[in-house]
Structure formats: structure tokens, C-alpha cells
C-alpha atoms as a PDB file:
ATOM      1  CA  MET A   1       0.305  -6.422  15.588  1.00  0.00           C
ATOM      2  CA  THR A   2       0.057  -3.153  14.698  1.00  0.00           C
ATOM      3  CA  LYS A   3       2.745  -0.521  16.160  1.00  0.00           C
ATOM      4  CA  ASP A   4       0.679   2.172  18.084  1.00  0.00           C
ATOM      5  CA  ILE A   5      -0.003   5.450  17.222  1.00  0.00           C
ATOM      6  CA  ASP A   6       1.625   7.500  19.501  1.00  0.00           C
ATOM      7  CA  PRO A   7       5.304   5.646  18.719  1.00  0.00           C
ATOM      8  CA  VAL A   8       4.779   5.517  14.803  1.00  0.00           C
ATOM      9  CA  ARG A   9       3.570   9.142  14.871  1.00  0.00           C
ATOM     10  CA  ARG A  10       6.299  10.222  16.815  1.00  0.00           C
ATOM     11  CA  GLU A  11       8.988   8.495  14.235  1.00  0.00           C
ATOM     12  CA  LEU A  12       7.478  10.185  10.869  1.00  0.00           C
ATOM     13  CA  LEU A  13       7.527  13.887  12.965  1.00  0.00           C
ATOM     14  CA  HIS A  14      10.943  12.669  13.789  1.00  0.00           C
ATOM     15  CA  HIS A  15      11.709  11.664  10.002  1.00  0.00           C
ATOM     16  CA  MET A  16      10.190  14.466   9.187  1.00  0.00           C
ATOM     17  CA  GLN A  17      11.472  17.355  10.987  1.00  0.00           C
ATOM     18  CA  ASN A  18      15.302  15.977  10.253  1.00  0.00           C
ATOM     19  CA  GLY A  19      14.329  16.202   6.557  1.00  0.00           C
ATOM     20  CA  LYS A  20      14.254  12.691   5.817  1.00  0.00           C
ATOM     21  CA  ILE A  21      11.140  12.496   4.140  1.00  0.00           C
ATOM     22  CA  LEU A  22      12.158   9.112   2.233  1.00  0.00           C
ATOM     23  CA  ASP A  23      12.835   7.584   5.496  1.00  0.00           C
ATOM     24  CA  ALA A  24       8.965   8.753   6.335  1.00  0.00           C
ATOM     25  CA  ILE A  25       7.907   7.306   3.367  1.00  0.00           C
ATOM     26  CA  ASP A  26       9.267   3.591   4.095  1.00  0.00           C
ATOM     27  CA  LEU A  27       7.680   4.363   7.108  1.00  0.00           C
ATOM     28  CA  ILE A  28       4.685   4.438   5.970  1.00  0.00           C
ATOM     29  CA  LEU A  29       5.153   1.257   3.745  1.00  0.00           C
ATOM     30  CA  GLN A  30       6.216  -0.263   6.548  1.00  0.00           C
ATOM     31  CA  ASN A  31       2.803  -0.081   8.136  1.00  0.00           C
ATOM     32  CA  LEU A  32       0.695  -0.588   4.789  1.00  0.00           C
ATOM     33  CA  ILE A  33       3.194  -4.120   4.743  1.00  0.00           C
ATOM     34  CA  GLU A  34       2.297  -4.938   8.585  1.00  0.00           C
ATOM     35  CA  GLU A  35      -1.557  -3.801   7.504  1.00  0.00           C
ATOM     36  CA  LEU A  36      -1.801  -5.820   4.314  1.00  0.00           C
ATOM     37  CA  GLU A  37      -0.498  -9.066   7.003  1.00  0.00           C
ATOM     38  CA  ILE A  38      -2.678  -8.404   9.322  1.00  0.00           C
ATOM     39  CA  ILE A  39      -5.907  -8.390   6.603  1.00  0.00           C
ATOM     40  CA  SER A  40      -4.400 -11.818   5.476  1.00  0.00           C
ATOM     41  CA  SER A  41      -4.349 -13.382   8.975  1.00  0.00           C
ATOM     42  CA  THR A  42      -7.658 -11.960   9.756  1.00  0.00           C
ATOM     43  CA  LEU A  43      -9.034 -13.542   6.496  1.00  0.00           C
ATOM     44  CA  ILE A  44      -7.531 -17.066   7.751  1.00  0.00           C
ATOM     45  CA  GLN A  45      -8.946 -16.819  11.111  1.00  0.00           C
ATOM     46  CA  GLY A  46     -12.577 -15.732   9.186  1.00  0.00           C
ATOM     47  CA  ASN A  47     -12.834 -12.866  11.941  1.00  0.00           C
ATOM     48  CA  SER A  48     -14.170 -10.199  10.433  1.00  0.00           C
ATOM     49  CA  ASP A  49     -15.583  -8.325  13.579  1.00  0.00           C
ATOM     50  CA  GLN A  50     -11.918  -8.003  14.390  1.00  0.00           C
ATOM     51  CA  LEU A  51     -11.090  -6.872  10.759  1.00  0.00           C
ATOM     52  CA  GLU A  52     -13.826  -4.300  11.081  1.00  0.00           C
ATOM     53  CA  SER A  53     -12.451  -2.939  14.364  1.00  0.00           C
ATOM     54  CA  PHE A  54      -8.518  -3.183  13.000  1.00  0.00           C
ATOM     55  CA  ILE A  55      -9.618  -1.563   9.200  1.00  0.00           C
ATOM     56  CA  ASP A  56     -11.557   1.461  11.699  1.00  0.00           C
ATOM     57  CA  LYS A  57      -8.320   2.121  13.849  1.00  0.00           C
ATOM     58  CA  LEU A  58      -5.898   2.090  10.175  1.00  0.00           C
ATOM     59  CA  GLY A  59      -8.419   4.683   8.223  1.00  0.00           C
ATOM     60  CA  VAL A  60      -8.053   6.836  11.148  1.00  0.00           C
ATOM     61  CA  ARG A  61      -3.971   6.549  11.850  1.00  0.00           C
ATOM     62  CA  ASN A  62      -2.943   6.604   7.775  1.00  0.00           C
ATOM     63  CA  ASP A  63      -5.345   9.431   7.792  1.00  0.00           C
ATOM     64  CA  GLU A  64      -3.094  11.166  10.143  1.00  0.00           C
ATOM     65  CA  TYR A  65       0.361   9.860   8.012  1.00  0.00           C
ATOM     66  CA  ASN A  66      -0.471  11.796   5.084  1.00  0.00           C
ATOM     67  CA  GLN A  67      -1.800  15.029   7.143  1.00  0.00           C
ATOM     68  CA  ILE A  68       1.248  15.173   8.693  1.00  0.00           C
ATOM     69  CA  LEU A  69       3.125  14.702   5.388  1.00  0.00           C
ATOM     70  CA  ALA A  70       1.237  16.826   3.405  1.00  0.00           C
ATOM     71  CA  HIS A  71       1.478  19.656   5.906  1.00  0.00           C
ATOM     72  CA  VAL A  72       5.539  19.374   5.651  1.00  0.00           C
ATOM     73  CA  LEU A  73       5.762  19.247   1.803  1.00  0.00           C
ATOM     74  CA  ALA A  74       3.498  22.150   2.230  1.00  0.00           C
ATOM     75  CA  ASP A  75       5.736  24.070   4.352  1.00  0.00           C
ATOM     76  CA  SER A  76       9.541  23.046   2.835  1.00  0.00           C
ATOM     77  CA  VAL A  77      10.993  25.651   1.744  1.00  0.00           C
ATOM     78  CA  PHE A  78      13.560  23.362   0.419  1.00  0.00           C
ATOM     79  CA  LEU A  79      13.220  19.474  -1.443  1.00  0.00           C
ATOM     80  CA  PRO A  80      16.294  17.709  -2.404  1.00  0.00           C
ATOM     81  CA  PHE A  81      14.000  16.438  -5.574  1.00  0.00           C
ATOM     82  CA  ASN A  82      10.892  17.490  -7.694  1.00  0.00           C
ATOM     83  CA  SER A  83       8.243  17.844  -5.427  1.00  0.00           C
ATOM     84  CA  THR A  84       5.639  17.143  -8.283  1.00  0.00           C
ATOM     85  CA  TYR A  85       6.934  12.956  -8.041  1.00  0.00           C
ATOM     86  CA  LEU A  86       7.183  13.803  -4.039  1.00  0.00           C
ATOM     87  CA  LEU A  87       3.728  14.829  -4.119  1.00  0.00           C
ATOM     88  CA  LYS A  88       2.839  11.594  -6.728  1.00  0.00           C
ATOM     89  CA  VAL A  89       4.239   9.002  -4.443  1.00  0.00           C
ATOM     90  CA  GLN A  90       2.465  10.722  -1.425  1.00  0.00           C
ATOM     91  CA  ASP A  91      -1.314  10.511  -3.531  1.00  0.00           C
ATOM     92  CA  GLY A  92      -0.326   7.162  -4.740  1.00  0.00           C
ATOM     93  CA  LEU A  93       0.071   6.130  -1.003  1.00  0.00           C
ATOM     94  CA  ALA A  94      -3.266   7.511  -0.134  1.00  0.00           C
ATOM     95  CA  GLU A  95      -5.121   5.832  -2.820  1.00  0.00           C
ATOM     96  CA  ILE A  96      -3.929   2.554  -1.692  1.00  0.00           C
ATOM     97  CA  ILE A  97      -4.722   2.998   1.667  1.00  0.00           C
ATOM     98  CA  GLU A  98      -8.214   4.083   0.584  1.00  0.00           C
ATOM     99  CA  LEU A  99      -8.071   0.980  -1.353  1.00  0.00           C
ATOM    100  CA  ILE A 100      -7.385  -1.060   1.675  1.00  0.00           C
ATOM    101  CA  GLN A 101      -9.769   0.438   4.033  1.00  0.00           C
ATOM    102  CA  ALA A 102     -12.845  -0.280   1.161  1.00  0.00           C
ATOM    103  CA  PHE A 103     -11.587  -4.082   1.028  1.00  0.00           C
ATOM    104  CA  GLY A 104     -11.507  -4.349   4.538  1.00  0.00           C
ATOM    105  CA  HIS A 105     -15.228  -3.009   5.179  1.00  0.00           C
ATOM    106  CA  LYS A 106     -16.680  -5.147   1.984  1.00  0.00           C
ATOM    107  CA  TRP A 107     -15.282  -8.674   3.543  1.00  0.00           C
ATOM    108  CA  GLY A 108     -17.117 -10.773   6.137  1.00  0.00           C
ATOM    109  CA  VAL A 109     -20.145  -9.061   5.006  1.00  0.00           C
ATOM    110  CA  TYR A 110     -21.763 -11.859   2.889  1.00  0.00           C
ATOM    111  CA  ASP A 111     -20.265 -15.417   3.254  1.00  0.00           C
ATOM    112  CA  LEU A 112     -18.205 -16.444   0.355  1.00  0.00           C
ATOM    113  CA  GLU A 113     -16.707 -19.699  -0.950  1.00  0.00           C
ATOM    114  CA  LYS A 114     -13.349 -20.769   0.088  1.00  0.00           C
ATOM    115  CA  TRP A 115     -12.032 -20.965  -3.265  1.00  0.00           C
ATOM    116  CA  ILE A 116     -13.473 -17.412  -3.903  1.00  0.00           C
ATOM    117  CA  GLU A 117     -11.694 -16.391  -0.062  1.00  0.00           C
ATOM    118  CA  ASP A 118      -7.981 -18.481  -1.154  1.00  0.00           C
ATOM    119  CA  HIS A 119      -8.162 -15.722  -4.182  1.00  0.00           C
ATOM    120  CA  MET A 120      -8.108 -12.808  -2.221  1.00  0.00           C
ATOM    121  CA  LYS A 121      -5.846 -14.223  -0.443  1.00  0.00           C
ATOM    122  CA  SER A 122      -3.278 -14.542  -3.235  1.00  0.00           C
ATOM    123  CA  MET A 123      -4.206 -11.205  -4.193  1.00  0.00           C
ATOM    124  CA  ILE A 124      -3.283  -9.533  -0.899  1.00  0.00           C
ATOM    125  CA  GLU A 125       0.027 -11.474  -0.938  1.00  0.00           C
ATOM    126  CA  ILE A 126       1.204  -9.475  -4.187  1.00  0.00           C
ATOM    127  CA  ALA A 127      -0.187  -6.623  -2.936  1.00  0.00           C
ATOM    128  CA  LYS A 128       2.297  -7.289  -0.115  1.00  0.00           C
ATOM    129  CA  GLU A 129       5.491  -8.813  -2.134  1.00  0.00           C
ATOM    130  CA  ILE A 130       4.949  -5.499  -4.471  1.00  0.00           C
ATOM    131  CA  LEU A 131       5.047  -3.038  -1.249  1.00  0.00           C
ATOM    132  CA  SER A 132       8.112  -4.651   0.362  1.00  0.00           C
ATOM    133  CA  LEU A 133      10.109  -4.399  -2.869  1.00  0.00           C
ATOM    134  CA  LEU A 134       9.342  -0.606  -2.840  1.00  0.00           C
ATOM    135  CA  SER A 135      10.387  -0.390   0.855  1.00  0.00           C
ATOM    136  CA  SER A 136      13.616  -2.216   0.236  1.00  0.00           C
ATOM    137  CA  TRP A 137      14.323  -0.068  -2.711  1.00  0.00           C
ATOM    138  CA  ILE A 138      14.411   2.913  -0.418  1.00  0.00           C
ATOM    139  CA  GLU A 139      16.766   0.960   2.060  1.00  0.00           C
ATOM    140  CA  ASN A 140      19.051   0.362  -0.928  1.00  0.00           C
ATOM    141  CA  ASP A 141      18.303   2.032  -3.926  1.00  0.00           C
ATOM    142  CA  HIS A 142      20.793  -1.073  -5.969  1.00  0.00           C
ATOM    143  CA  ASN A 143      17.396  -3.432  -5.169  1.00  0.00           C
ATOM    144  CA  ILE A 144      15.810  -0.799  -7.680  1.00  0.00           C
ATOM    145  CA  ASP A 145      14.267  -3.510 -10.250  1.00  0.00           C
ATOM    146  CA  LEU A 146      10.873  -2.385 -11.582  1.00  0.00           C
ATOM    147  CA  THR A 147      10.802  -5.728 -13.639  1.00  0.00           C
ATOM    148  CA  LYS A 148      10.186  -7.654 -10.536  1.00  0.00           C
ATOM    149  CA  VAL A 149       7.120  -5.099  -9.499  1.00  0.00           C
ATOM    150  CA  GLN A 150       5.396  -5.768 -13.193  1.00  0.00           C
ATOM    151  CA  ALA A 151       5.712  -9.422 -13.322  1.00  0.00           C
ATOM    152  CA  LEU A 152       4.032  -9.435  -9.919  1.00  0.00           C
ATOM    153  CA  GLU A 153       1.547  -7.364 -11.409  1.00  0.00           C
ATOM    154  CA  ASN A 154       1.281  -9.133 -14.672  1.00  0.00           C
ATOM    155  CA  GLN A 155       0.658 -12.472 -11.971  1.00  0.00           C
ATOM    156  CA  ALA A 156      -1.960 -10.550 -10.891  1.00  0.00           C
ATOM    157  CA  ASP A 157      -3.479  -9.683 -14.016  1.00  0.00           C
ATOM    158  CA  GLY A 158      -3.766 -13.677 -15.201  1.00  0.00           C
ATOM    159  CA  ILE A 159      -5.107 -14.395 -11.357  1.00  0.00           C
ATOM    160  CA  HIS A 160      -7.770 -11.898 -12.108  1.00  0.00           C
ATOM    161  CA  ARG A 161      -8.773 -13.228 -15.530  1.00  0.00           C
ATOM    162  CA  ASP A 162      -9.032 -16.594 -14.231  1.00  0.00           C
ATOM    163  CA  PHE A 163     -11.045 -15.510 -10.840  1.00  0.00           C
ATOM    164  CA  ILE A 164     -13.621 -14.046 -13.446  1.00  0.00           C
ATOM    165  CA  SER A 165     -13.821 -16.539 -15.935  1.00  0.00           C
ATOM    166  CA  LYS A 166     -14.474 -19.218 -12.794  1.00  0.00           C
ATOM    167  CA  LEU A 167     -16.971 -16.438 -11.082  1.00  0.00           C
ATOM    168  CA  TYR A 168     -19.305 -16.015 -14.277  1.00  0.00           C
ATOM    169  CA  ARG A 169     -19.208 -20.206 -14.689  1.00  0.00           C
ATOM    170  CA  GLU A 170     -19.937 -21.283 -11.136  1.00  0.00           C
ATOM    171  CA  VAL A 171     -21.383 -18.751  -9.017  1.00  0.00           C
ATOM    172  CA  GLU A 172     -24.623 -18.419  -9.161  1.00  0.00           C
ATOM    173  CA  ASP A 173     -25.485 -16.373  -5.915  1.00  0.00           C
ATOM    174  CA  PHE A 174     -26.246 -12.735  -6.793  1.00  0.00           C
ATOM    175  CA  LYS A 175     -24.758 -11.555  -3.442  1.00  0.00           C
ATOM    176  CA  ALA A 176     -22.159 -13.837  -3.140  1.00  0.00           C
ATOM    177  CA  PHE A 177     -21.247 -12.884  -6.970  1.00  0.00           C
ATOM    178  CA  HIS A 178     -21.531  -9.469  -6.711  1.00  0.00           C
ATOM    179  CA  LEU A 179     -19.196  -9.207  -3.822  1.00  0.00           C
ATOM    180  CA  ALA A 180     -16.531 -11.348  -4.946  1.00  0.00           C
ATOM    181  CA  GLU A 181     -16.331  -9.479  -8.114  1.00  0.00           C
ATOM    182  CA  LYS A 182     -16.097  -6.164  -5.877  1.00  0.00           C
ATOM    183  CA  LEU A 183     -13.519  -7.424  -3.456  1.00  0.00           C
ATOM    184  CA  ASP A 184     -11.233  -8.454  -6.364  1.00  0.00           C
ATOM    185  CA  SER A 185     -11.851  -5.671  -8.409  1.00  0.00           C
ATOM    186  CA  LEU A 186     -10.765  -3.325  -4.749  1.00  0.00           C
ATOM    187  CA  ALA A 187      -8.060  -5.768  -4.633  1.00  0.00           C
ATOM    188  CA  GLU A 188      -6.409  -5.642  -8.531  1.00  0.00           C
ATOM    189  CA  GLU A 189      -6.328  -2.149  -8.437  1.00  0.00           C
ATOM    190  CA  ALA A 190      -4.638  -1.795  -5.445  1.00  0.00           C
ATOM    191  CA  ILE A 191      -2.171  -3.540  -7.106  1.00  0.00           C
ATOM    192  CA  ASP A 192      -1.762  -2.038 -10.341  1.00  0.00           C
ATOM    193  CA  ARG A 193      -1.705   1.562  -8.235  1.00  0.00           C
ATOM    194  CA  SER A 194       1.013   0.058  -6.463  1.00  0.00           C
ATOM    195  CA  GLU A 195       2.768  -0.868 -10.135  1.00  0.00           C
ATOM    196  CA  VAL A 196       2.702   3.015 -10.828  1.00  0.00           C
ATOM    197  CA  LEU A 197       3.834   4.334  -6.921  1.00  0.00           C
ATOM    198  CA  ALA A 198       6.755   2.070  -8.153  1.00  0.00           C
ATOM    199  CA  LYS A 199       7.422   4.020 -11.179  1.00  0.00           C
ATOM    200  CA  ASP A 200       7.261   6.934  -9.284  1.00  0.00           C
ATOM    201  CA  LEU A 201       8.946   6.351  -6.846  1.00  0.00           C
ATOM    202  CA  MET A 202      12.278   4.868  -8.983  1.00  0.00           C
ATOM    203  CA  ILE A 203      11.898   8.565 -10.388  1.00  0.00           C
ATOM    204  CA  LEU A 204      11.804  10.257  -7.084  1.00  0.00           C
ATOM    205  CA  LEU A 205      15.119   7.823  -6.005  1.00  0.00           C
ATOM    206  CA  LYS A 206      17.019   8.656  -9.036  1.00  0.00           C
ATOM    207  CA  PHE A 207      16.080  12.325  -8.281  1.00  0.00           C
ATOM    208  CA  ASN A 208      17.607  12.000  -4.730  1.00  0.00           C
ATOM    209  CA  LYS A 209      20.610   9.976  -5.904  1.00  0.00           C
ATOM    210  CA  ILE A 210      21.680  12.672  -8.397  1.00  0.00           C
ATOM    211  CA  SER A 211      21.007  15.875  -5.766  1.00  0.00           C
ATOM    212  CA  ILE A 212      22.219  14.216  -2.375  1.00  0.00           C
ATOM    213  CA  SER A 213      25.613  15.605  -3.045  1.00  0.00           C
ATOM    214  CA  ASP A 214      24.298  19.591  -3.115  1.00  0.00           C
ATOM    215  CA  LEU A 215      22.064  18.519  -0.049  1.00  0.00           C
ATOM    216  CA  PRO A 216      22.665  20.906   3.578  1.00  0.00           C
ATOM    217  CA  SER A 217      24.757  18.535   6.426  1.00  0.00           C
ATOM    218  CA  TYR A 218      21.502  18.560   8.029  1.00  0.00           C
ATOM    219  CA  LEU A 219      19.486  16.597   5.223  1.00  0.00           C
ATOM    220  CA  ARG A 220      22.066  13.648   4.181  1.00  0.00           C
END
């Protein structure tokens, strides 16, 4: 079960108020990972009504996260790194959240074959694995390895190509075809956007490492 809105919001505000913006970003990443886990488990259980309700709550909560982050960035007099990359990370998180929401809202509107459902689960798992890697980078910058993210993105590309090929060969039901193609497109875009987020976060973390010795003590 995801964390309640109030405790998570308090934790996020605490990080922001103490200048720990990277910790705040990590909190958002960890919650995205948890949300992907719930989506994956809901796909397995086949409860689309539960997923729809969950996605609605997810949208409200993550909109609030981004509003808090944007507000603090706009009001910050001092940032320990180039604000351009911080804003890119914020934008990347917002786009991934929107893609996950769109995926969740479309899931379950029409019955799909099991092999299509299994494909979607595989794509969700890859997205979750990439975001988990990014979270580990923030926890320990020695973990930074963009090649692992790129390998996962390449894996997703291969799975996507095989899926589309099979979809065109085997699915004659127009509604099923259209929905499966759209779900796959959303999942692939979320993975692609996660790779871009990884590149921006890597640069942000490098800026942070270089400038950390110059920070006021309350920001360290």
C-alpha cells in the first residue's frame, strides 16, 4: 500500500525546508517505484476498478508533489547546482507521472489476451528497474552507471519491436489492437523518458558533488 498523503507530504516539505532537494527527488522516485509495483500487482489480479481508483489518488498526490517542488525552486535564493538541470529533472518526473497515469486509466477498458498483458507487465518492470537505479544513485553516487539504464532501455526497445510485430500478425480485433498499441506506446515512452531523466540526474549529481564543499553547513 502506498504511503498516506499527509505523512509523505510532511516528509517532502521537511526535505525542502532543510535544503535537501536531492532527498526530496529521491522521495518522489521511491513513491513512483511503489506506485509501479501496485500497478503491476493490480495487472496480475485483474482488478481494473481498483486500479482506476488508485490512479485518481496518484494523480492528486503527485500533482501536489510537483507543486511543492516547483514552489520551492521558484523561491530558492541559493541552489548548490545549476538550476537548469534541476528543472529538467523536475520536468522529467512530471512527464513520467503523467505517462503512468495515462497507462493506468486505459488499462482494463477492454479485455486483452494474456500474452499482451504479460508484455505490459514486462514493460512496467523495466520502468520500475530504471527508477530504482536512479534512486540508488542519489543514495550513493558511486552507484551511478548510465550503461545499466541504457541496457534496460535497449531491452525494452527489443521487447517493443517483437510485440508490435506479433500484434500486427495476430490481433484482428480492432479495439484490442488499438488499446494494446496505445498501452505499449505509453509504457515505451515512460521508459524512454526515464532514460532522459537518468542523464539529467547524472549531471545534477555531478554538479552537486563538485559544489558540496561550498555549501552552507545547514545545506550539507
